[in-house]
Protein backbone atom coordinates (compact mmCIF):
# COMPACT_ATOMS: atom_id res chain seq x y z
CA MET A 1 0.50 42.89 38.76
CA ASN A 2 -0.97 42.58 35.20
CA SER A 3 -2.29 39.03 35.03
CA PRO A 4 -3.60 37.29 31.94
CA PHE A 5 -6.26 35.70 34.37
CA ASN A 6 -7.82 39.35 35.04
CA GLN A 7 -9.17 39.43 31.60
CA PRO A 8 -12.91 38.74 31.18
CA HIS A 9 -12.59 35.34 29.25
CA SER A 10 -12.95 31.65 30.37
CA PHE A 11 -10.44 30.58 32.67
CA PHE A 12 -9.25 27.61 30.55
CA SER A 13 -9.23 29.71 27.18
CA VAL A 14 -6.79 32.20 29.01
CA LEU A 15 -4.89 29.32 30.27
CA ILE A 16 -4.44 27.65 26.87
CA SER A 17 -3.73 31.17 25.19
CA LYS A 18 -0.90 31.85 27.66
CA TYR A 19 0.68 28.42 27.67
CA ARG A 20 -0.28 27.38 23.95
CA LYS A 21 3.51 26.48 22.87
CA THR A 22 4.13 24.92 26.28
CA PHE A 23 1.17 22.60 26.13
CA ILE A 24 2.32 21.75 22.61
CA SER A 25 5.56 20.74 23.88
CA VAL A 26 3.85 18.69 26.37
CA PHE A 27 1.62 17.15 23.68
CA ILE A 28 4.55 16.28 21.57
CA PHE A 29 6.57 14.68 24.60
CA SER A 30 3.54 12.51 25.16
CA PHE A 31 3.14 11.42 21.70
CA VAL A 32 6.84 10.59 21.56
CA MET A 33 6.74 8.74 25.00
CA ASN A 34 3.53 6.76 23.97
CA LEU A 35 5.52 5.59 20.79
CA LEU A 36 8.24 4.62 23.14
CA MET A 37 6.05 2.60 25.22
CA LEU A 38 5.90 0.32 22.43
CA THR A 39 9.47 -0.86 23.02
CA PRO A 40 8.92 -3.80 25.03
CA ALA A 41 6.58 -5.01 22.65
CA PHE A 42 8.91 -4.61 19.61
CA TYR A 43 11.76 -5.87 21.94
CA MET A 44 9.91 -9.22 22.60
CA LEU A 45 8.75 -9.38 18.89
CA GLN A 46 12.41 -9.08 17.75
CA ILE A 47 13.64 -11.60 20.02
CA TYR A 48 10.94 -14.36 18.97
CA ASP A 49 11.54 -13.17 15.19
CA ARG A 50 15.33 -12.61 14.95
CA VAL A 51 17.29 -13.84 18.14
CA LEU A 52 15.60 -17.23 18.72
CA THR A 53 15.61 -17.98 14.93
CA SER A 54 19.28 -16.97 14.35
CA PHE A 55 20.68 -17.93 17.65
CA ASN A 56 23.10 -14.87 17.41
CA PRO A 57 23.97 -13.54 20.76
CA TRP A 58 25.28 -10.12 19.11
CA THR A 59 21.77 -9.74 17.85
CA LEU A 60 20.61 -9.96 21.30
CA ALA A 61 22.98 -7.69 22.84
CA THR A 62 22.34 -4.97 20.13
CA LEU A 63 18.60 -5.33 20.64
CA THR A 64 18.98 -5.01 24.28
CA PHE A 65 21.31 -2.03 24.15
CA ILE A 66 18.82 -0.09 21.92
CA THR A 67 15.99 -1.15 24.23
CA ILE A 68 17.74 0.38 27.23
CA PHE A 69 18.57 3.65 25.19
CA LEU A 70 14.98 4.08 24.52
CA TYR A 71 14.00 3.53 28.03
CA GLY A 72 16.47 5.98 28.80
CA VAL A 73 15.09 8.52 26.39
CA MET A 74 11.68 7.76 27.62
CA ALA A 75 12.84 8.45 31.34
CA LEU A 76 14.25 11.82 30.23
CA LEU A 77 11.02 12.93 28.33
CA GLU A 78 8.96 11.84 31.53
CA ARG A 79 11.30 14.11 33.81
CA PHE A 80 10.84 17.11 31.00
CA ARG A 81 7.11 16.56 30.69
CA SER A 82 6.59 16.54 34.48
CA LEU A 83 8.91 19.58 35.13
CA ILE A 84 7.00 21.58 32.42
CA ASN A 85 3.74 20.59 34.04
CA VAL A 86 5.11 21.57 37.73
CA THR A 87 6.37 25.02 36.30
CA ILE A 88 3.09 25.71 34.64
CA ALA A 89 0.97 24.82 37.72
CA SER A 90 3.38 26.70 40.00
CA ASP A 91 3.09 29.88 37.71
CA ILE A 92 -0.88 29.46 37.64
CA GLU A 93 -0.94 29.27 41.45
CA ASN A 94 1.31 32.12 42.19
CA ASP A 95 -0.71 34.23 39.63
CA LEU A 96 -4.18 33.11 41.10
CA SER A 97 -3.02 33.24 44.74
CA GLN A 98 -2.18 36.87 44.51
CA LYS A 99 -5.29 37.71 42.62
CA ILE A 100 -7.52 36.09 45.34
CA TYR A 101 -5.56 37.78 48.10
CA VAL A 102 -6.36 41.00 46.87
CA SER A 103 -9.80 40.39 46.16
CA SER A 104 -10.30 38.76 49.40
CA HIS A 105 -9.28 42.10 50.99
CA ARG A 106 -11.82 44.04 49.20
CA VAL A 107 -14.61 44.65 51.60
CA GLU A 108 -17.36 44.54 49.05
CA GLU A 109 -16.20 40.99 48.43
CA GLN A 110 -15.81 39.64 51.72
CA LYS A 111 -18.08 36.94 51.05
CA ILE A 112 -15.04 35.35 49.51
CA ASN A 113 -14.33 32.09 51.21
CA ILE A 114 -10.30 32.61 51.11
CA ILE A 115 -10.06 28.88 52.15
CA GLN A 116 -12.24 27.54 49.70
CA SER A 117 -10.48 29.72 47.15
CA LEU A 118 -7.06 28.63 47.94
CA ASN A 119 -8.29 25.12 47.96
CA ASP A 120 -9.55 25.53 44.50
CA ILE A 121 -6.13 26.84 43.37
CA ALA A 122 -4.39 23.83 44.91
CA SER A 123 -6.98 21.85 43.10
CA ILE A 124 -6.16 23.23 39.58
CA ARG A 125 -2.18 22.90 40.51
CA GLU A 126 -2.57 19.26 41.54
CA PHE A 127 -4.49 18.64 38.22
CA ILE A 128 -1.79 20.04 35.97
CA SER A 129 1.30 18.96 37.97
CA GLY A 130 -0.05 15.49 38.97
CA PRO A 131 -0.72 12.28 37.13
CA SER A 132 -4.11 13.27 35.93
CA LEU A 133 -3.05 15.54 33.18
CA ASN A 134 -0.61 13.06 32.13
CA GLY A 135 -2.80 10.25 32.28
CA LEU A 136 -5.43 12.19 30.30
CA LEU A 137 -2.67 12.56 27.61
CA ASP A 138 -1.97 8.91 27.84
CA VAL A 139 -5.49 7.88 27.01
CA LEU A 140 -5.55 9.96 24.10
CA TRP A 141 -2.97 7.76 22.49
CA ALA A 142 -4.75 4.61 22.99
CA PRO A 143 -5.85 4.64 19.21
CA ILE A 144 -2.28 4.32 18.32
CA PHE A 145 -1.92 1.13 20.14
CA ILE A 146 -5.44 -0.29 18.73
CA PHE A 147 -4.13 0.70 15.05
CA ILE A 148 -1.06 -1.49 15.72
CA LEU A 149 -3.07 -4.29 16.96
CA PHE A 150 -5.04 -4.10 13.66
CA THR A 151 -1.67 -4.33 11.69
CA PHE A 152 -1.16 -7.60 13.80
CA ASN A 153 -4.62 -9.06 13.09
CA PHE A 154 -7.93 -7.84 12.49
CA TRP A 155 -9.62 -9.65 15.32
CA MET A 156 -6.87 -8.30 17.98
CA GLY A 157 -8.09 -4.87 16.96
CA ILE A 158 -11.66 -5.70 17.24
CA ALA A 159 -11.06 -7.25 20.72
CA ALA A 160 -9.09 -4.14 21.76
CA ILE A 161 -12.03 -1.82 20.74
CA VAL A 162 -14.61 -4.05 22.50
CA SER A 163 -12.66 -4.10 25.56
CA CYS A 164 -11.96 -0.31 25.74
CA VAL A 165 -15.75 0.33 25.16
CA LEU A 166 -16.81 -2.03 28.11
CA LEU A 167 -14.16 -0.44 30.53
CA ILE A 168 -15.24 3.21 29.57
CA THR A 169 -18.91 2.21 30.08
CA LEU A 170 -18.03 1.01 33.51
CA MET A 171 -16.12 4.13 34.12
CA LEU A 172 -19.00 6.40 33.11
CA ILE A 173 -21.37 4.52 35.09
CA HIS A 174 -19.13 4.94 38.34
CA TYR A 175 -18.62 8.49 37.54
CA ARG A 176 -22.32 9.56 37.13
CA THR A 177 -23.04 7.51 40.17
CA SER A 178 -20.53 9.05 42.31
CA LYS A 179 -21.03 12.64 41.04
CA SER A 180 -23.83 13.68 43.17
CA PHE A 181 -22.48 12.18 46.25
CA GLN A 182 -19.01 14.04 45.54
CA SER A 183 -20.80 17.35 45.26
CA GLU A 184 -22.54 17.04 48.47
CA ILE A 185 -19.53 15.70 50.37
CA ASN A 186 -17.54 18.82 49.21
CA LYS A 187 -20.20 21.11 50.60
CA LEU A 188 -20.43 19.00 54.02
CA THR A 189 -16.49 19.06 54.25
CA MET A 190 -16.28 22.80 53.95
CA ALA A 191 -19.06 23.40 56.35
CA SER A 192 -17.85 20.82 59.03
CA THR A 193 -14.27 22.50 58.65
CA LEU A 194 -15.63 26.16 58.98
CA SER A 195 -17.88 25.20 62.00
CA ALA A 196 -14.81 23.68 63.91
CA TYR A 197 -12.65 26.43 63.07
CA GLU A 198 -15.32 28.94 64.03
CA SER A 199 -15.83 27.22 67.58
CA SER A 200 -12.00 26.90 68.23
CA ARG A 201 -11.33 30.63 67.22
CA ASN A 202 -13.90 31.43 69.88
CA ALA A 203 -12.60 28.93 72.40
CA GLU A 204 -12.33 31.51 75.44
CA VAL A 205 -16.12 32.29 75.05
CA VAL A 206 -17.14 28.79 74.51
CA ASN A 207 -15.31 27.53 77.28
CA THR A 208 -16.40 30.34 79.74
CA LEU A 209 -19.95 30.17 79.13
CA GLY A 210 -20.02 26.15 78.96
CA MET A 211 -21.10 26.16 75.26
CA LYS A 212 -18.51 23.18 74.21
CA GLN A 213 -20.72 20.30 74.62
CA THR A 214 -23.47 21.91 73.04
CA LEU A 215 -21.49 22.97 70.16
CA GLN A 216 -19.63 19.90 70.17
CA ALA A 217 -23.05 17.91 69.74
CA LYS A 218 -24.10 20.23 66.80
CA TRP A 219 -20.92 19.71 64.96
CA MET A 220 -20.76 16.02 65.69
CA LYS A 221 -24.35 15.66 64.16
CA ASN A 222 -23.27 17.33 61.03
CA TYR A 223 -19.98 15.47 61.01
CA LEU A 224 -21.92 12.04 61.32
CA ILE A 225 -23.71 13.07 58.19
CA PHE A 226 -20.65 13.75 56.29
CA SER A 227 -19.00 10.39 57.59
CA ASP A 228 -22.07 8.45 56.27
CA LYS A 229 -21.93 10.33 52.91
CA LEU A 230 -18.10 9.80 52.85
CA PHE A 231 -18.35 5.84 53.67
CA THR A 232 -21.07 5.64 50.88
CA ILE A 233 -18.81 6.97 48.05
CA ALA A 234 -16.03 5.15 49.36
CA SER A 235 -17.76 1.91 49.26
CA LEU A 236 -19.12 2.70 45.94
CA THR A 237 -15.60 3.54 44.57
CA SER A 238 -14.21 0.43 46.17
CA ASN A 239 -16.77 -1.52 44.49
CA PHE A 240 -16.48 -0.23 41.07
CA SER A 241 -12.69 -0.07 41.19
CA SER A 242 -12.69 -3.77 42.06
CA LEU A 243 -15.08 -4.62 39.21
CA ILE A 244 -13.06 -2.60 36.89
CA LYS A 245 -9.87 -4.25 37.56
CA PHE A 246 -11.50 -7.70 37.65
CA PHE A 247 -12.93 -7.05 34.01
CA ARG A 248 -9.37 -5.16 32.99
CA LEU A 249 -7.40 -8.48 33.99
CA ILE A 250 -9.96 -10.81 32.41
CA LEU A 251 -9.86 -8.88 29.12
CA GLN A 252 -6.05 -8.66 29.06
CA SER A 253 -5.95 -12.54 29.54
CA LEU A 254 -8.59 -12.92 26.99
CA GLY A 255 -6.49 -10.78 24.57
CA LEU A 256 -3.42 -13.15 25.30
CA GLY A 257 -5.79 -16.19 24.76
CA LEU A 258 -6.97 -14.77 21.52
CA GLY A 259 -3.32 -14.22 20.54
CA ALA A 260 -2.59 -17.74 21.34
CA TRP A 261 -5.75 -19.18 19.33
CA LEU A 262 -4.69 -17.03 16.25
CA VAL A 263 -1.07 -18.43 16.44
CA LEU A 264 -2.47 -22.09 16.69
CA ASP A 265 -4.61 -21.13 13.59
CA ASN A 266 -1.57 -19.85 11.78
CA GLN A 267 -2.79 -16.26 11.56
CA MET A 268 -0.15 -14.73 13.64
CA GLN A 269 3.48 -15.31 14.80
CA PRO A 270 4.30 -16.20 18.39
CA GLY A 271 6.20 -13.01 18.78
CA MET A 272 3.03 -10.91 17.59
CA MET A 273 1.18 -12.79 20.31
CA ILE A 274 3.44 -11.73 23.14
CA ALA A 275 3.75 -7.94 21.66
CA GLY A 276 0.05 -8.07 21.27
CA SER A 277 -0.34 -8.99 24.80
CA ILE A 278 1.79 -6.07 25.96
CA LEU A 279 0.01 -3.58 23.65
CA PHE A 280 -3.51 -4.80 25.07
CA SER A 281 -2.23 -4.14 28.43
CA ARG A 282 -0.92 -0.75 27.22
CA THR A 283 -4.22 0.11 25.94
CA LEU A 284 -6.31 -0.77 28.76
CA GLY A 285 -4.09 0.44 31.60
CA PRO A 286 -4.75 4.12 31.21
CA ILE A 287 -8.17 3.65 30.68
CA GLU A 288 -8.64 2.27 34.07
CA ASN A 289 -7.69 5.69 35.56
CA ILE A 290 -10.36 7.67 33.65
CA SER A 291 -12.81 7.44 36.28
CA MET A 292 -10.27 9.23 38.78
CA ILE A 293 -9.52 11.71 36.17
CA LEU A 294 -13.07 12.56 35.52
CA ARG A 295 -13.69 13.25 39.39
CA GLN A 296 -10.68 15.27 39.49
CA TRP A 297 -11.59 17.32 36.24
CA GLU A 298 -15.10 17.82 37.83
CA GLN A 299 -13.51 19.30 40.84
CA VAL A 300 -11.12 21.41 38.49
CA LYS A 301 -14.27 22.77 36.84
CA SER A 302 -15.99 23.54 39.86
CA ALA A 303 -12.85 25.29 41.10
CA GLU A 304 -12.55 27.14 37.87
CA SER A 305 -16.23 28.38 38.02
CA ARG A 306 -15.70 29.67 41.73
CA LEU A 307 -12.60 31.45 41.00
CA SER A 308 -13.96 32.86 37.69
CA GLU A 309 -16.53 34.45 39.50
CA ILE A 310 -14.02 36.19 41.65
CA ILE A 311 -11.57 37.07 39.15
CA LYS A 312 -14.11 38.30 36.44
CA ASN A 313 -14.42 41.53 38.54
CA GLU A 314 -11.15 42.67 37.25
CA ASP A 315 -9.14 44.75 39.69
CA LEU A 316 -8.47 47.97 38.01
CA ASN A 317 -6.07 49.19 40.82
CA HIS A 318 -3.13 48.91 38.80
CA LYS A 319 -4.67 51.04 36.04
CA LYS A 320 -5.42 54.06 38.35
CA ILE A 321 -2.87 56.89 37.78
CA SER A 322 -1.20 58.34 40.71
CA LEU A 323 -2.87 61.58 42.03
CA PRO A 324 -1.37 64.27 44.19
CA LYS A 325 -1.10 63.90 47.93
CA PRO A 326 -4.45 65.36 49.30
CA LEU A 327 -4.56 68.28 51.70
CA GLY A 328 -7.81 66.72 53.40
CA ASN A 329 -10.45 68.76 51.72
CA LEU A 330 -13.58 66.54 52.15
CA ARG A 331 -16.92 66.80 50.10
CA VAL A 332 -19.65 64.16 50.47
CA GLU A 333 -22.09 64.09 47.80
CA ALA A 334 -25.76 62.37 48.55
CA ILE A 335 -24.19 59.36 49.84
CA THR A 336 -26.04 56.14 50.57
CA VAL A 337 -24.52 53.24 52.24
CA THR A 338 -25.15 49.56 52.69
CA PRO A 339 -22.91 47.18 54.74
CA PRO A 340 -21.23 44.59 52.45
CA GLY A 341 -23.52 41.49 52.41
CA SER A 342 -26.63 43.40 53.56
CA SER A 343 -29.61 44.91 51.80
CA LEU A 344 -30.36 47.43 54.37
CA SER A 345 -29.01 50.93 53.99
CA VAL A 346 -27.58 52.66 57.06
CA ILE A 347 -26.62 56.14 55.45
CA HIS A 348 -29.28 58.00 53.52
CA ASN A 349 -28.71 60.71 51.18
CA LEU A 350 -26.03 62.32 53.29
CA SER A 351 -24.13 65.44 52.09
CA PHE A 352 -21.84 67.74 53.68
CA GLU A 353 -18.41 69.81 52.94
CA LEU A 354 -15.52 70.54 54.91
CA GLU A 355 -12.02 71.99 54.36
CA ALA A 356 -8.86 70.85 55.79
CA GLY A 357 -7.59 72.07 58.95
CA HIS A 358 -10.86 71.25 60.77
CA LEU A 359 -11.59 68.78 63.61
CA LEU A 360 -14.92 67.18 63.04
CA ALA A 361 -16.80 65.31 65.74
CA ILE A 362 -19.57 62.91 64.40
CA LEU A 363 -22.24 62.34 67.18
CA GLY A 364 -25.32 60.40 67.53
CA PRO A 365 -27.06 57.59 69.24
CA SER A 366 -25.90 53.92 68.97
CA GLY A 367 -27.09 52.58 65.85
CA SER A 368 -27.20 55.85 63.96
CA GLY A 369 -24.56 54.83 61.23
CA LYS A 370 -21.52 56.75 62.78
CA SER A 371 -19.04 53.72 62.26
CA SER A 372 -20.53 53.16 58.99
CA LEU A 373 -19.84 56.65 57.79
CA MET A 374 -16.40 56.70 59.10
CA ARG A 375 -15.63 53.39 57.26
CA THR A 376 -16.91 55.07 54.08
CA LEU A 377 -14.97 58.18 54.52
CA ALA A 378 -12.05 55.94 55.07
CA GLY A 379 -12.59 53.99 51.85
CA ALA A 380 -13.17 50.85 53.63
CA TRP A 381 -17.00 50.57 52.35
CA PRO A 382 -18.31 51.58 49.16
CA CYS A 383 -21.24 53.76 48.48
CA ILE A 384 -24.19 52.36 46.65
CA LYS A 385 -25.01 56.10 45.54
CA GLY A 386 -23.22 59.28 45.72
CA LYS A 387 -19.69 59.97 46.18
CA VAL A 388 -16.87 60.67 48.65
CA ARG A 389 -14.29 63.20 47.27
CA TRP A 390 -11.00 64.07 48.66
CA ASP A 391 -9.62 67.31 47.32
CA GLY A 392 -12.06 66.90 44.52
CA SER A 393 -11.05 63.20 43.54
CA HIS A 394 -13.61 60.28 44.07
CA ILE A 395 -12.14 58.00 46.49
CA ARG A 396 -12.49 55.14 44.15
CA ASP A 397 -10.36 57.00 41.71
CA TRP A 398 -7.51 56.72 43.91
CA ASN A 399 -4.88 53.75 43.96
CA GLU A 400 -5.75 52.07 47.10
CA ASP A 401 -2.05 51.45 48.28
CA GLU A 402 -1.32 55.12 47.39
CA PHE A 403 -4.36 56.58 49.20
CA GLY A 404 -3.71 54.29 52.18
CA GLN A 405 -0.37 56.36 52.89
CA TYR A 406 -2.31 59.45 53.05
CA ILE A 407 -4.84 58.30 55.63
CA GLY A 408 -4.62 57.50 59.37
CA TYR A 409 -7.42 55.12 60.25
CA VAL A 410 -8.63 53.56 63.81
CA PRO A 411 -11.72 51.35 63.49
CA GLN A 412 -14.08 51.02 66.57
CA ASP A 413 -13.11 47.33 66.42
CA ILE A 414 -9.30 47.52 66.85
CA GLN A 415 -7.54 45.17 64.29
CA LEU A 416 -3.73 44.65 64.92
CA LEU A 417 -1.98 41.90 62.93
CA LYS A 418 0.24 39.05 64.13
CA GLY A 419 4.06 40.63 64.47
CA THR A 420 5.92 42.95 66.56
CA ILE A 421 4.49 46.09 67.99
CA ALA A 422 7.16 48.04 65.71
CA GLU A 423 6.02 46.35 62.62
CA ASN A 424 2.39 47.10 63.43
CA ILE A 425 3.14 50.77 63.81
CA ALA A 426 5.34 50.89 60.80
CA ARG A 427 2.42 49.07 58.65
CA PHE A 428 4.99 46.23 58.08
CA LYS A 429 7.28 48.40 56.23
CA ASN A 430 11.11 48.48 56.63
CA ILE A 431 11.45 51.65 58.50
CA GLU A 432 14.22 53.04 60.65
CA SER A 433 13.65 52.69 64.53
CA GLU A 434 13.61 56.51 65.16
CA MET A 435 10.50 57.09 62.88
CA ILE A 436 8.56 54.50 64.89
CA VAL A 437 9.41 55.78 68.21
CA GLU A 438 8.88 59.27 67.05
CA VAL A 439 5.30 58.34 65.85
CA ALA A 440 4.72 56.26 69.23
CA LYS A 441 5.79 59.17 71.20
CA GLN A 442 3.12 61.46 69.28
CA ALA A 443 0.56 58.94 70.09
CA LYS A 444 1.42 58.99 73.86
CA ALA A 445 2.31 55.11 73.27
CA HIS A 446 6.20 55.42 73.93
CA GLU A 447 6.24 54.78 77.62
CA MET A 448 3.38 52.28 77.54
CA ILE A 449 5.19 50.18 74.91
CA LEU A 450 8.80 50.42 76.88
CA LYS A 451 7.05 48.81 79.96
CA LEU A 452 6.26 45.50 77.75
CA PRO A 453 8.77 42.71 78.27
CA ASP A 454 10.28 43.09 74.76
CA GLY A 455 9.46 46.75 74.26
CA TYR A 456 8.88 47.57 70.57
CA ASN A 457 9.92 43.93 69.83
CA THR A 458 6.90 42.49 71.86
CA MET A 459 5.25 39.90 69.53
CA LEU A 460 1.46 39.98 69.29
CA GLY A 461 -0.80 37.17 68.61
CA ASP A 462 -3.82 37.03 66.21
CA ASN A 463 -5.66 40.39 66.28
CA GLY A 464 -3.24 41.85 68.87
CA SER A 465 -3.61 39.37 71.50
CA GLY A 466 -1.21 39.92 74.39
CA LEU A 467 -2.35 43.40 74.78
CA SER A 468 -5.09 45.03 76.83
CA GLY A 469 -7.88 47.09 75.12
CA GLY A 470 -6.26 50.35 76.06
CA GLN A 471 -2.68 49.24 75.04
CA ARG A 472 -4.29 47.87 71.47
CA GLN A 473 -5.92 51.40 71.09
CA LYS A 474 -2.78 53.26 71.66
CA VAL A 475 -0.82 50.98 69.38
CA ALA A 476 -3.45 51.60 66.60
CA ILE A 477 -3.41 55.24 67.23
CA ALA A 478 0.47 55.18 66.76
CA ARG A 479 -0.19 53.02 63.41
CA ALA A 480 -2.64 55.80 62.22
CA LEU A 481 -0.27 58.60 62.78
CA PHE A 482 2.42 56.64 60.99
CA GLY A 483 3.69 58.67 57.91
CA ASN A 484 2.13 62.02 58.86
CA PRO A 485 -1.00 61.52 56.87
CA PRO A 486 -3.03 64.49 56.15
CA ILE A 487 -6.43 62.64 56.90
CA ILE A 488 -6.98 61.11 60.27
CA ILE A 489 -10.38 59.05 60.94
CA PHE A 490 -10.66 58.16 64.51
CA ASP A 491 -13.72 55.81 65.67
CA GLU A 492 -14.32 55.91 69.15
CA PRO A 493 -10.40 56.24 69.94
CA SER A 494 -10.79 56.88 73.51
CA SER A 495 -13.37 53.93 74.37
CA PHE A 496 -10.74 51.54 75.93
CA LEU A 497 -8.70 54.52 77.62
CA ASP A 498 -8.75 55.63 81.17
CA ASP A 499 -8.97 59.20 82.25
CA ARG A 500 -5.12 59.75 81.79
CA GLY A 501 -5.36 57.93 78.44
CA ARG A 502 -8.13 60.29 77.31
CA MET A 503 -6.24 63.27 78.52
CA GLU A 504 -3.28 62.43 76.69
CA PHE A 505 -5.44 61.57 73.59
CA ILE A 506 -6.94 65.10 73.83
CA GLN A 507 -3.30 66.68 73.92
CA MET A 508 -2.39 64.70 70.98
CA ILE A 509 -5.54 65.96 69.21
CA GLN A 510 -4.66 69.61 69.98
CA SER A 511 -0.95 69.10 68.66
CA LEU A 512 -2.41 67.71 65.45
CA LYS A 513 -4.87 70.41 65.18
CA SER A 514 -2.10 73.08 64.48
CA LYS A 515 -0.83 71.14 61.55
CA ASP A 516 -3.79 71.71 59.00
CA LYS A 517 -4.89 68.18 59.04
CA MET A 518 -8.33 66.73 58.26
CA ILE A 519 -9.26 65.03 61.76
CA ILE A 520 -12.54 63.23 61.93
CA PHE A 521 -13.89 61.50 64.99
CA THR A 522 -16.58 59.68 66.73
CA THR A 523 -16.88 59.87 70.67
CA HIS A 524 -19.26 59.58 73.60
CA HIS A 525 -17.06 61.76 75.90
CA ARG A 526 -17.78 65.42 76.34
CA ASP A 527 -14.26 66.49 77.06
CA VAL A 528 -13.22 65.05 73.70
CA VAL A 529 -16.01 66.56 71.85
CA GLU A 530 -14.68 70.06 73.10
CA VAL A 531 -11.62 69.66 70.97
CA ALA A 532 -13.68 69.61 67.75
CA THR A 533 -14.38 72.78 65.63
CA GLN A 534 -17.10 71.10 63.66
CA ILE A 535 -19.99 68.82 64.70
CA LEU A 536 -22.02 66.69 62.60
CA VAL A 537 -25.17 64.86 64.09
CA LEU A 538 -26.53 61.51 62.76
CA VAL A 539 -29.79 60.03 63.55
CA GLU A 540 -30.90 56.92 61.79
CA GLY A 541 -28.45 57.38 59.17
CA LYS A 542 -29.51 60.99 58.28
CA LEU A 543 -27.71 64.30 58.88
CA GLN A 544 -29.45 66.01 61.77
CA LEU A 545 -27.28 68.77 62.52
CA PHE A 546 -23.96 70.08 60.99
CA GLY A 547 -21.84 73.05 61.60
CA ASN A 548 -19.83 75.10 64.09
CA LYS A 549 -19.33 73.32 67.41
CA ILE A 550 -20.71 76.10 69.56
CA ASP A 551 -23.72 76.45 67.29
CA VAL A 552 -24.61 72.68 67.07
CA LEU A 553 -24.07 72.23 70.81
CA ALA A 554 -26.30 75.13 71.66
CA GLN A 555 -29.18 73.61 69.37
CA ILE A 556 -28.37 70.30 70.91
CA THR A 557 -28.73 71.80 74.56
CA LYS A 558 -32.03 73.72 73.45
CA SER A 559 -33.45 70.48 71.84
CA SER A 560 -32.71 68.83 75.18
CA GLN A 561 -34.66 71.27 77.29
CA VAL A 562 -37.43 71.36 74.88
CA ASN A 563 -37.99 67.41 75.33
CA LYS A 564 -37.73 67.78 78.93
């Protein structure tokens, strides 16, 4: 999806550019609505100046009808303005949510806190669709009311300006005082939430190892700090809100008193006194909400800053051209790999080349970088140096979604998604049942699946909960084979399988061997290694041996005898 928010500009500049005409409509609606807010003032003015002097009921009826009509127009404009704001907010939320979802699945950007990002999007949506944006627009029209008060009497206008300045000063003091507290509270809120979530997500281990009370005490200690800060800012807000409301009510009453004094001094008509009081209240009312608007605006700016940091790295996936289906020819060119979020390289200047149709076994001691290499070959991890090429094309030149159809990958840490077994095997595509059953049979998982309570419709929990390790591994292997990919990468595919399961896996590998696929796997089982045609040995992230299986195994045996 080509989103305007992918462009390397300020978020708000892009927002205003895309919705310029819409915002102009909202601005015009707000202008007309604020003019219509003068209706009660002028209704009162006309009653005093016309109705009470003429004693004409038809004049009263006409003025009342016009007033009701104007109120109806104002209500319609309010509805349209709110509908426009909600539409804009929904459009922005949909656009940004998709972008954040894609970014959160890039391994090099896994530092993204998806919960925080979605909360940031919600903050922007609520600011645009809620009362804050409309309140901000209403404040902008306060000078109109002050101007009208000046037309009533000079001193009424001066009183309105002084009152506005006093209230705005109190608002700014409140805003600056609470700003530092609010920033700290936001951090503590997220930390407390993530801590509780992490503990509950690992409830099985926490309860089994008797860690609950310790973790609870640790969480409670941080929560009490958060609660204390929250109470402080709540007290501060309550004090300032009461103070500001106190001054607003006094100023409104003083405005009415000033009007009465001007009437007594024959400087203003009684109708103007009442109308002026209404205008005075209308001028000061929106200003009382400035503090809340500023706090929300601060949250929106922080959200924009975090989101811009994510979306500035434009997703060029949609711009990549479609490449032909690869045969599986692999060339690794001096790659150096660093795990995302780490500064230590686990693969160092590794190079090798292999044509499709081979079965490559990658061997090495624990911590030698085997799994890191498998993730890199599958495209899950990027190289900080060098290139991985499939059929001559750099893996980063492929469209991610298209390349995913050409590869079957089983990570060492089996990751199944919430859904049925059939959905997991079919990679959540709408596929005919026959294709799912066929690939399950090929993976030697069909009989195992049929023994489950609901067979292929068995619902899995998060990360495949509900299945044993071996069952999850078979489902993952079936998912890897789905779509007949030319490239298959297995990271310890037999680690959870028993002897029978391992023999079935070997049979499956042998059947795939005749189909000219590129099959790469890691294993610690000698009988699985025997299926390979080529072997690569890694030691501390460096290539130690690479070549024909017989030759490499002979060198390993010879080296072992020398060491003895």
